[in-house]
N, C-alpha and C. Protein backbone atom coordinates (compact mmCIF):
# COMPACT_ATOMS: atom_id res chain seq x y z
N UNK A 1 86.80 98.81 71.98
CA UNK A 1 86.30 99.51 73.22
C UNK A 1 86.34 98.40 74.35
N UNK A 2 87.11 98.70 75.37
CA UNK A 2 87.12 97.77 76.53
C UNK A 2 86.00 97.91 77.50
N UNK A 3 85.82 97.06 78.38
CA UNK A 3 84.72 97.13 79.36
C UNK A 3 84.45 98.42 80.06
N UNK A 4 85.58 99.17 80.57
CA UNK A 4 85.41 100.32 81.12
C UNK A 4 84.95 101.50 80.16
N UNK A 5 85.44 101.49 78.95
CA UNK A 5 84.99 102.37 77.93
C UNK A 5 83.47 102.27 77.73
N UNK A 6 83.12 101.08 77.63
CA UNK A 6 81.68 100.80 77.35
C UNK A 6 80.81 101.36 78.44
N UNK A 7 81.21 101.28 79.72
CA UNK A 7 80.50 101.70 80.92
C UNK A 7 80.47 103.11 80.81
N UNK A 8 81.69 103.77 80.54
CA UNK A 8 81.71 105.18 80.36
C UNK A 8 80.78 105.79 79.40
N UNK A 9 80.80 105.11 78.21
CA UNK A 9 79.81 105.50 77.14
C UNK A 9 78.40 105.46 77.59
N UNK A 10 77.98 104.43 78.34
CA UNK A 10 76.64 104.33 78.69
C UNK A 10 76.31 105.50 79.72
N UNK A 11 77.20 105.63 80.61
CA UNK A 11 77.00 106.83 81.55
C UNK A 11 76.97 108.25 80.86
N UNK A 12 77.85 108.41 79.91
CA UNK A 12 77.71 109.68 79.16
C UNK A 12 76.39 109.89 78.39
N UNK A 13 75.95 108.75 78.01
CA UNK A 13 74.61 108.79 77.34
C UNK A 13 73.53 109.19 78.32
N UNK A 14 73.49 108.36 79.57
CA UNK A 14 72.51 108.51 80.57
C UNK A 14 72.68 109.77 81.46
N UNK A 15 73.88 110.09 81.69
CA UNK A 15 74.14 111.30 82.66
C UNK A 15 75.18 112.11 82.05
N UNK A 16 74.91 112.87 81.00
CA UNK A 16 75.95 113.60 80.31
C UNK A 16 76.51 114.76 81.18
N UNK A 17 75.70 115.22 82.16
CA UNK A 17 76.19 116.28 82.98
C UNK A 17 77.20 115.85 84.07
N UNK A 18 77.56 114.65 84.10
CA UNK A 18 78.49 114.09 85.04
C UNK A 18 79.76 113.72 84.34
N UNK A 19 80.95 114.18 84.85
CA UNK A 19 82.17 113.87 84.20
C UNK A 19 82.63 112.43 84.69
N UNK A 20 82.59 111.60 83.86
CA UNK A 20 82.95 110.08 84.04
C UNK A 20 84.36 109.75 83.73
N UNK A 21 85.24 110.75 83.38
CA UNK A 21 86.57 110.44 83.07
C UNK A 21 87.38 109.74 84.16
N UNK A 22 87.09 110.04 85.50
CA UNK A 22 87.87 109.34 86.52
C UNK A 22 87.69 107.83 86.33
N UNK A 23 86.59 107.29 85.83
CA UNK A 23 86.32 105.92 85.73
C UNK A 23 87.38 105.19 84.80
N UNK A 24 87.82 106.00 83.85
CA UNK A 24 88.84 105.57 82.90
C UNK A 24 90.15 105.01 83.67
N UNK A 25 90.50 105.76 84.67
CA UNK A 25 91.60 105.30 85.45
C UNK A 25 91.18 104.46 86.60
N UNK A 26 90.36 104.82 87.40
CA UNK A 26 89.87 104.06 88.58
C UNK A 26 89.28 102.68 88.20
N UNK A 27 88.48 102.66 87.29
CA UNK A 27 87.86 101.48 86.87
C UNK A 27 88.77 100.50 86.27
N UNK A 28 89.75 100.98 85.50
CA UNK A 28 90.73 100.06 84.92
C UNK A 28 91.73 99.53 86.05
N UNK A 29 92.01 100.44 86.94
CA UNK A 29 92.87 100.00 88.15
C UNK A 29 92.16 98.90 88.85
N UNK A 30 90.86 99.15 89.17
CA UNK A 30 90.11 98.15 89.88
C UNK A 30 90.05 96.71 89.21
N UNK A 31 89.81 96.82 87.87
CA UNK A 31 89.81 95.55 87.23
C UNK A 31 91.18 94.94 87.04
N UNK A 32 92.13 95.75 86.82
CA UNK A 32 93.53 95.20 86.88
C UNK A 32 93.95 94.54 88.13
N UNK A 33 93.56 95.16 89.31
CA UNK A 33 93.78 94.68 90.64
C UNK A 33 93.19 93.28 90.79
N UNK A 34 92.02 93.15 90.35
CA UNK A 34 91.14 91.93 90.38
C UNK A 34 91.91 90.80 89.58
N UNK A 35 92.31 91.18 88.34
CA UNK A 35 93.04 90.22 87.45
C UNK A 35 94.47 89.81 88.05
N UNK A 36 95.13 90.82 88.51
CA UNK A 36 96.43 90.53 89.12
C UNK A 36 96.30 89.71 90.23
N UNK A 37 95.36 89.92 91.18
CA UNK A 37 95.03 89.16 92.37
C UNK A 37 94.84 87.66 92.01
N UNK A 38 93.99 87.42 90.97
CA UNK A 38 93.82 86.13 90.40
C UNK A 38 95.10 85.47 89.99
N UNK A 39 95.92 86.14 89.37
CA UNK A 39 97.17 85.60 88.81
C UNK A 39 98.16 85.30 89.93
N UNK A 40 98.15 86.16 91.03
CA UNK A 40 99.07 85.94 92.09
C UNK A 40 98.65 84.76 92.89
N UNK A 41 97.34 84.69 93.14
CA UNK A 41 96.71 83.66 94.08
C UNK A 41 97.07 82.28 93.46
N UNK A 42 97.26 82.13 92.04
CA UNK A 42 97.51 80.88 91.39
C UNK A 42 98.86 80.28 92.02
N UNK A 43 99.85 81.18 92.24
CA UNK A 43 101.16 80.73 92.75
C UNK A 43 100.95 80.38 94.19
N UNK A 44 100.19 81.15 95.01
CA UNK A 44 100.04 80.81 96.50
C UNK A 44 99.36 79.42 96.58
N UNK A 45 98.43 79.19 95.79
CA UNK A 45 97.70 77.95 95.86
C UNK A 45 98.61 76.72 95.47
N UNK A 46 99.56 76.95 94.72
CA UNK A 46 100.47 75.82 94.27
C UNK A 46 101.19 75.30 95.62
N UNK A 47 101.33 76.16 96.49
CA UNK A 47 102.16 75.83 97.76
C UNK A 47 101.11 75.56 98.88
N UNK A 48 99.86 75.54 98.64
CA UNK A 48 98.92 75.21 99.70
C UNK A 48 98.59 76.42 100.48
N UNK A 49 98.92 77.71 100.04
CA UNK A 49 98.74 78.85 100.95
C UNK A 49 97.65 79.78 100.40
N UNK A 50 97.00 80.54 101.29
CA UNK A 50 96.24 81.61 100.92
C UNK A 50 97.12 82.78 100.86
N UNK A 51 96.49 83.92 100.24
CA UNK A 51 97.27 85.11 100.23
C UNK A 51 97.66 85.58 101.50
N UNK A 52 96.77 85.54 102.55
CA UNK A 52 97.21 86.08 103.89
C UNK A 52 98.32 85.14 104.47
N UNK A 53 98.27 83.88 104.29
CA UNK A 53 99.28 82.96 104.83
C UNK A 53 100.60 83.26 104.24
N UNK A 54 100.65 83.50 102.91
CA UNK A 54 101.85 83.79 102.14
C UNK A 54 102.39 85.23 102.67
N UNK A 55 101.62 86.08 102.99
CA UNK A 55 101.99 87.39 103.49
C UNK A 55 102.67 87.18 104.89
N UNK A 56 102.04 86.42 105.76
CA UNK A 56 102.58 86.15 107.12
C UNK A 56 104.03 85.51 106.97
N UNK A 57 104.07 84.49 106.09
CA UNK A 57 105.42 83.84 106.02
C UNK A 57 106.52 84.71 105.41
N UNK A 58 106.04 85.59 104.48
CA UNK A 58 107.00 86.49 103.95
C UNK A 58 107.44 87.56 105.00
N UNK A 59 106.52 88.01 105.82
CA UNK A 59 106.88 88.98 106.83
C UNK A 59 107.89 88.32 107.83
N UNK A 60 107.67 87.13 108.15
CA UNK A 60 108.67 86.40 109.05
C UNK A 60 110.01 86.24 108.35
N UNK A 61 109.96 85.80 107.10
CA UNK A 61 111.19 85.55 106.33
C UNK A 61 111.99 86.85 106.20
N UNK A 62 111.35 87.85 105.97
CA UNK A 62 112.01 89.26 105.76
C UNK A 62 112.74 89.75 106.95
N UNK A 63 112.19 89.23 108.16
CA UNK A 63 112.80 89.63 109.49
C UNK A 63 114.29 89.22 109.60
N UNK A 64 114.71 88.19 108.75
CA UNK A 64 116.15 87.72 108.83
C UNK A 64 116.10 86.79 110.01
N UNK A 65 117.34 86.10 110.11
CA UNK A 65 117.59 85.15 111.01
C UNK A 65 117.45 85.72 112.47
N UNK A 66 116.74 85.12 113.38
CA UNK A 66 116.28 83.68 113.28
C UNK A 66 114.84 83.47 112.78
N UNK A 67 114.40 84.34 111.92
CA UNK A 67 113.12 84.23 111.17
C UNK A 67 111.93 84.09 112.16
N UNK A 68 111.78 85.21 113.01
CA UNK A 68 110.71 85.25 114.01
C UNK A 68 110.23 86.65 114.18
N UNK A 69 109.04 86.83 114.58
CA UNK A 69 108.43 88.08 114.95
C UNK A 69 107.22 87.90 115.81
N UNK A 70 106.94 88.96 116.67
CA UNK A 70 105.81 88.91 117.58
C UNK A 70 104.58 89.06 116.78
N UNK A 71 103.43 88.53 117.12
CA UNK A 71 102.19 88.49 116.42
C UNK A 71 101.70 89.88 116.05
N UNK A 72 101.94 90.79 117.03
CA UNK A 72 101.53 92.24 116.78
C UNK A 72 102.41 92.94 115.69
N UNK A 73 103.66 92.57 115.73
CA UNK A 73 104.59 93.00 114.73
C UNK A 73 104.12 92.44 113.45
N UNK A 74 103.79 91.25 113.23
CA UNK A 74 103.28 90.70 112.02
C UNK A 74 101.96 91.30 111.53
N UNK A 75 101.11 91.65 112.48
CA UNK A 75 100.00 92.49 112.05
C UNK A 75 100.27 93.72 111.41
N UNK A 76 101.25 94.54 111.94
CA UNK A 76 101.78 95.74 111.28
C UNK A 76 102.32 95.58 109.91
N UNK A 77 103.18 94.49 109.89
CA UNK A 77 103.78 94.22 108.56
C UNK A 77 103.03 93.68 107.46
N UNK A 78 101.81 93.20 107.81
CA UNK A 78 100.84 92.67 106.85
C UNK A 78 99.57 93.48 106.80
N UNK A 79 99.43 94.41 107.55
CA UNK A 79 98.33 95.38 107.64
C UNK A 79 97.00 94.63 107.88
N UNK A 80 97.04 93.67 108.82
CA UNK A 80 95.70 93.04 109.16
C UNK A 80 95.53 93.17 110.62
N UNK A 81 94.32 92.95 111.13
CA UNK A 81 94.05 92.95 112.50
C UNK A 81 94.73 91.84 113.30
N UNK A 82 94.79 91.97 114.52
CA UNK A 82 95.40 90.90 115.32
C UNK A 82 94.57 89.77 115.46
N UNK A 83 93.30 89.95 115.29
CA UNK A 83 92.33 88.67 115.29
C UNK A 83 92.63 87.97 114.03
N UNK A 84 92.68 88.63 112.94
CA UNK A 84 92.91 87.93 111.68
C UNK A 84 94.23 87.30 111.70
N UNK A 85 95.27 87.94 112.33
CA UNK A 85 96.64 87.36 112.43
C UNK A 85 96.60 86.07 113.20
N UNK A 86 95.84 85.98 114.27
CA UNK A 86 95.76 84.83 115.12
C UNK A 86 95.33 83.65 114.30
N UNK A 87 94.27 83.81 113.50
CA UNK A 87 93.71 82.74 112.68
C UNK A 87 94.74 82.27 111.69
N UNK A 88 95.46 83.22 111.05
CA UNK A 88 96.44 82.86 110.04
C UNK A 88 97.57 82.09 110.73
N UNK A 89 98.02 82.46 111.93
CA UNK A 89 99.10 81.81 112.56
C UNK A 89 98.63 80.48 112.98
N UNK A 90 97.39 80.25 113.42
CA UNK A 90 96.88 79.03 113.85
C UNK A 90 96.92 78.04 112.65
N UNK A 91 96.53 78.53 111.43
CA UNK A 91 96.51 77.63 110.25
C UNK A 91 97.96 77.17 109.92
N UNK A 92 98.84 78.26 109.98
CA UNK A 92 100.24 77.90 109.59
C UNK A 92 100.92 77.04 110.61
N UNK A 93 100.56 77.17 111.91
CA UNK A 93 101.12 76.25 112.93
C UNK A 93 100.63 74.78 112.71
N UNK A 94 99.28 74.74 112.43
CA UNK A 94 98.73 73.35 112.13
C UNK A 94 99.46 72.66 110.96
N UNK A 95 99.85 73.51 110.12
CA UNK A 95 100.48 73.00 108.79
C UNK A 95 101.95 72.66 109.05
N UNK A 96 102.53 73.02 110.26
CA UNK A 96 103.97 72.79 110.52
C UNK A 96 104.93 73.78 109.91
N UNK A 97 104.43 74.92 109.62
CA UNK A 97 105.18 76.00 108.93
C UNK A 97 105.63 77.02 109.89
N UNK A 98 105.07 77.26 111.09
CA UNK A 98 105.56 78.09 112.08
C UNK A 98 105.32 77.46 113.41
N UNK A 99 106.07 77.93 114.42
CA UNK A 99 105.85 77.60 115.78
C UNK A 99 105.53 78.83 116.62
N UNK A 100 104.94 78.70 117.80
CA UNK A 100 104.84 79.83 118.68
C UNK A 100 105.52 79.45 120.00
N UNK A 101 106.06 80.43 120.56
CA UNK A 101 106.63 80.26 121.89
C UNK A 101 106.44 81.49 122.68
N UNK A 102 106.71 81.42 124.02
CA UNK A 102 106.77 82.65 124.82
C UNK A 102 107.96 83.39 124.47
N UNK A 103 107.70 84.70 124.57
CA UNK A 103 108.96 85.54 124.42
C UNK A 103 109.84 85.56 125.66
N UNK A 104 111.06 85.54 125.43
CA UNK A 104 112.11 85.47 126.61
C UNK A 104 112.07 86.65 127.42
N UNK A 105 111.77 87.90 126.70
CA UNK A 105 111.76 89.21 127.38
C UNK A 105 110.47 89.57 128.05
N UNK A 106 109.44 88.99 127.59
CA UNK A 106 108.04 89.24 128.18
C UNK A 106 107.30 88.02 128.19
N UNK A 107 107.12 87.41 129.39
CA UNK A 107 106.43 86.09 129.42
C UNK A 107 105.02 86.02 128.93
N UNK A 108 104.34 87.26 128.84
CA UNK A 108 102.99 87.21 128.32
C UNK A 108 103.00 87.35 126.85
N UNK A 109 104.13 87.81 126.17
CA UNK A 109 104.29 88.01 124.94
C UNK A 109 104.58 86.57 124.12
N UNK A 110 104.24 86.60 122.85
CA UNK A 110 104.57 85.39 122.05
C UNK A 110 105.41 85.72 120.96
N UNK A 111 106.10 84.75 120.42
CA UNK A 111 106.93 84.86 119.15
C UNK A 111 106.52 83.76 118.20
N UNK A 112 106.48 84.16 116.96
CA UNK A 112 106.16 83.24 115.91
C UNK A 112 107.34 83.10 115.04
N UNK A 113 107.69 81.80 114.75
CA UNK A 113 109.00 81.64 114.13
C UNK A 113 108.77 80.48 113.02
N UNK A 114 109.53 80.78 111.98
CA UNK A 114 109.45 79.76 110.87
C UNK A 114 110.05 78.43 111.27
N UNK A 115 109.42 77.34 110.90
CA UNK A 115 110.12 76.02 111.05
C UNK A 115 110.97 75.86 109.78
N UNK A 116 111.76 74.78 109.88
CA UNK A 116 112.54 74.49 108.65
C UNK A 116 111.68 74.27 107.47
N UNK A 117 110.61 73.39 107.61
CA UNK A 117 109.78 73.27 106.44
C UNK A 117 109.15 74.58 105.96
N UNK A 118 108.76 75.56 106.92
CA UNK A 118 108.28 76.79 106.61
C UNK A 118 109.25 77.69 105.85
N UNK A 119 110.49 77.63 106.31
CA UNK A 119 111.52 78.33 105.63
C UNK A 119 111.79 77.93 104.18
N UNK A 120 111.80 76.60 104.03
CA UNK A 120 112.08 76.07 102.74
C UNK A 120 110.82 76.37 101.75
N UNK A 121 109.66 76.22 102.33
CA UNK A 121 108.38 76.47 101.55
C UNK A 121 108.25 78.01 101.12
N UNK A 122 108.48 78.96 102.03
CA UNK A 122 108.48 80.25 101.69
C UNK A 122 109.58 80.75 100.75
N UNK A 123 110.75 80.22 100.88
CA UNK A 123 111.75 80.48 99.89
C UNK A 123 111.38 80.11 98.49
N UNK A 124 110.83 78.88 98.40
CA UNK A 124 110.41 78.31 97.06
C UNK A 124 109.22 79.16 96.51
N UNK A 125 108.24 79.53 97.36
CA UNK A 125 107.10 80.15 96.94
C UNK A 125 107.39 81.60 96.54
N UNK A 126 108.30 82.31 97.31
CA UNK A 126 108.64 83.61 96.94
C UNK A 126 109.31 83.75 95.58
N UNK A 127 110.27 82.73 95.45
CA UNK A 127 110.96 82.84 94.14
C UNK A 127 110.03 82.64 93.02
N UNK A 128 109.04 81.68 93.21
CA UNK A 128 107.98 81.47 92.12
C UNK A 128 107.10 82.75 91.99
N UNK A 129 106.83 83.38 93.08
CA UNK A 129 105.99 84.65 93.14
C UNK A 129 106.71 85.75 92.36
N UNK A 130 107.93 85.92 92.56
CA UNK A 130 108.79 86.89 91.90
C UNK A 130 108.84 86.56 90.32
N UNK A 131 108.97 85.37 89.90
CA UNK A 131 108.94 85.02 88.57
C UNK A 131 107.53 85.33 87.92
N UNK A 132 106.43 85.08 88.68
CA UNK A 132 105.19 85.38 88.30
C UNK A 132 104.99 86.95 88.13
N UNK A 133 105.41 87.68 89.02
CA UNK A 133 105.29 89.17 88.92
C UNK A 133 106.14 89.68 87.80
N UNK A 134 107.28 89.03 87.55
CA UNK A 134 108.05 89.40 86.38
C UNK A 134 107.38 89.17 85.04
N UNK A 135 106.71 88.00 85.02
CA UNK A 135 105.82 87.65 83.87
C UNK A 135 104.77 88.69 83.58
N UNK A 136 104.06 89.12 84.70
CA UNK A 136 103.01 89.97 84.52
C UNK A 136 103.42 91.40 84.20
N UNK A 137 104.59 91.85 84.75
CA UNK A 137 105.08 93.15 84.49
C UNK A 137 105.76 93.26 83.00
N UNK A 138 106.26 92.07 82.56
CA UNK A 138 106.86 92.04 81.19
C UNK A 138 105.78 92.29 80.09
N UNK A 139 104.45 92.22 80.51
CA UNK A 139 103.46 92.62 79.52
C UNK A 139 103.59 94.06 79.10
N UNK A 140 104.26 94.82 79.91
CA UNK A 140 104.53 96.19 79.56
C UNK A 140 106.02 96.36 79.10
N UNK A 141 106.29 97.45 78.33
CA UNK A 141 107.66 97.65 78.00
C UNK A 141 108.41 98.15 79.28
N UNK A 142 109.78 98.07 79.33
CA UNK A 142 110.47 98.51 80.46
C UNK A 142 110.24 100.04 80.72
N UNK A 143 110.07 100.82 79.61
CA UNK A 143 109.82 102.25 79.90
C UNK A 143 108.44 102.40 80.50
N UNK A 144 107.47 101.77 79.99
CA UNK A 144 106.02 101.90 80.48
C UNK A 144 106.09 101.48 81.96
N UNK A 145 106.68 100.26 82.30
CA UNK A 145 106.77 99.74 83.61
C UNK A 145 107.29 100.77 84.58
N UNK A 146 108.51 101.37 84.16
CA UNK A 146 109.09 102.39 85.06
C UNK A 146 108.25 103.53 85.26
N UNK A 147 107.60 104.01 84.21
CA UNK A 147 106.67 105.25 84.36
C UNK A 147 105.52 104.94 85.22
N UNK A 148 104.89 103.80 85.02
CA UNK A 148 103.79 103.27 85.91
C UNK A 148 104.22 103.32 87.42
N UNK A 149 105.32 102.66 87.60
CA UNK A 149 105.86 102.61 88.91
C UNK A 149 106.07 104.03 89.54
N UNK A 150 106.59 104.90 88.80
CA UNK A 150 106.69 106.37 89.33
C UNK A 150 105.37 106.96 89.55
N UNK A 151 104.43 106.72 88.64
CA UNK A 151 103.17 107.34 88.84
C UNK A 151 102.35 106.85 90.01
N UNK A 152 102.45 105.48 90.16
CA UNK A 152 101.80 104.84 91.28
C UNK A 152 102.43 105.18 92.59
N UNK A 153 103.70 105.30 92.66
CA UNK A 153 104.44 105.73 93.82
C UNK A 153 104.00 107.15 94.26
N UNK A 154 103.92 107.99 93.29
CA UNK A 154 103.44 109.37 93.59
C UNK A 154 102.09 109.49 94.16
N UNK A 155 101.14 108.73 93.43
CA UNK A 155 99.75 108.70 93.78
C UNK A 155 99.46 108.08 95.15
N UNK A 156 100.25 106.91 95.47
CA UNK A 156 100.01 106.22 96.67
C UNK A 156 100.57 107.06 97.88
N UNK A 157 101.72 107.78 97.58
CA UNK A 157 102.20 108.65 98.71
C UNK A 157 101.28 109.75 98.94
N UNK A 158 100.61 110.39 97.88
CA UNK A 158 99.70 111.45 98.05
C UNK A 158 98.52 110.96 98.92
N UNK A 159 98.15 109.66 98.65
CA UNK A 159 96.99 109.15 99.46
C UNK A 159 97.24 108.84 100.90
N UNK A 160 98.47 108.29 101.10
CA UNK A 160 98.86 107.78 102.29
C UNK A 160 99.38 108.92 103.27
N UNK A 161 99.87 110.02 102.60
CA UNK A 161 100.39 111.08 103.42
C UNK A 161 99.89 112.43 102.76
N UNK A 162 98.58 112.56 102.86
CA UNK A 162 98.02 113.86 102.26
C UNK A 162 98.63 115.12 102.76
N UNK A 163 98.96 116.04 101.88
CA UNK A 163 99.38 117.27 102.35
C UNK A 163 98.17 118.18 102.81
N UNK A 164 98.32 118.67 103.94
CA UNK A 164 97.29 119.52 104.52
C UNK A 164 97.92 120.86 104.75
N UNK A 165 97.28 121.95 104.22
CA UNK A 165 97.82 123.28 104.37
C UNK A 165 97.82 123.75 105.88
N UNK A 166 98.78 124.52 106.16
CA UNK A 166 98.81 125.05 107.55
C UNK A 166 97.61 125.67 107.92
N UNK A 167 97.16 125.44 109.13
CA UNK A 167 95.94 126.10 109.58
C UNK A 167 96.12 127.30 110.35
N UNK A 168 97.39 127.77 110.44
CA UNK A 168 97.73 128.93 111.34
C UNK A 168 97.69 130.14 110.59
């Protein structure tokens, strides 16, 4: 019996009138997310990066040459507030991994660009990150991994874009 099953058994004993079957999925997903996060952060730390800094560098790298984005665009691509983005960019700039400059089109705007060391670091870190994700996913069979991806895609889509019946 795993940790979640023990918790469910205790709740079934204490509150038998409540359906605790959702805990079987949600509880395990929550525990798995925590474990996966720990495993992923090990790679980021090898490169002296936090998870957020890794995300910022990846977002800039994915933009393609010349490897730059506006801070607001970075916030959208990493799903963090602009205030949190400013702190991440400050740290990356101090580390010499990015530079900031004024936008040529809008003098009030800023552009964040990868430096050569930043590009080299994120290319190495991302390759290592993908090897790590492969290692983690290989704990499942290819069939199970494919089925899980399909289920998670469907579930996430339902949560991000809930279907609402016509009100007319």
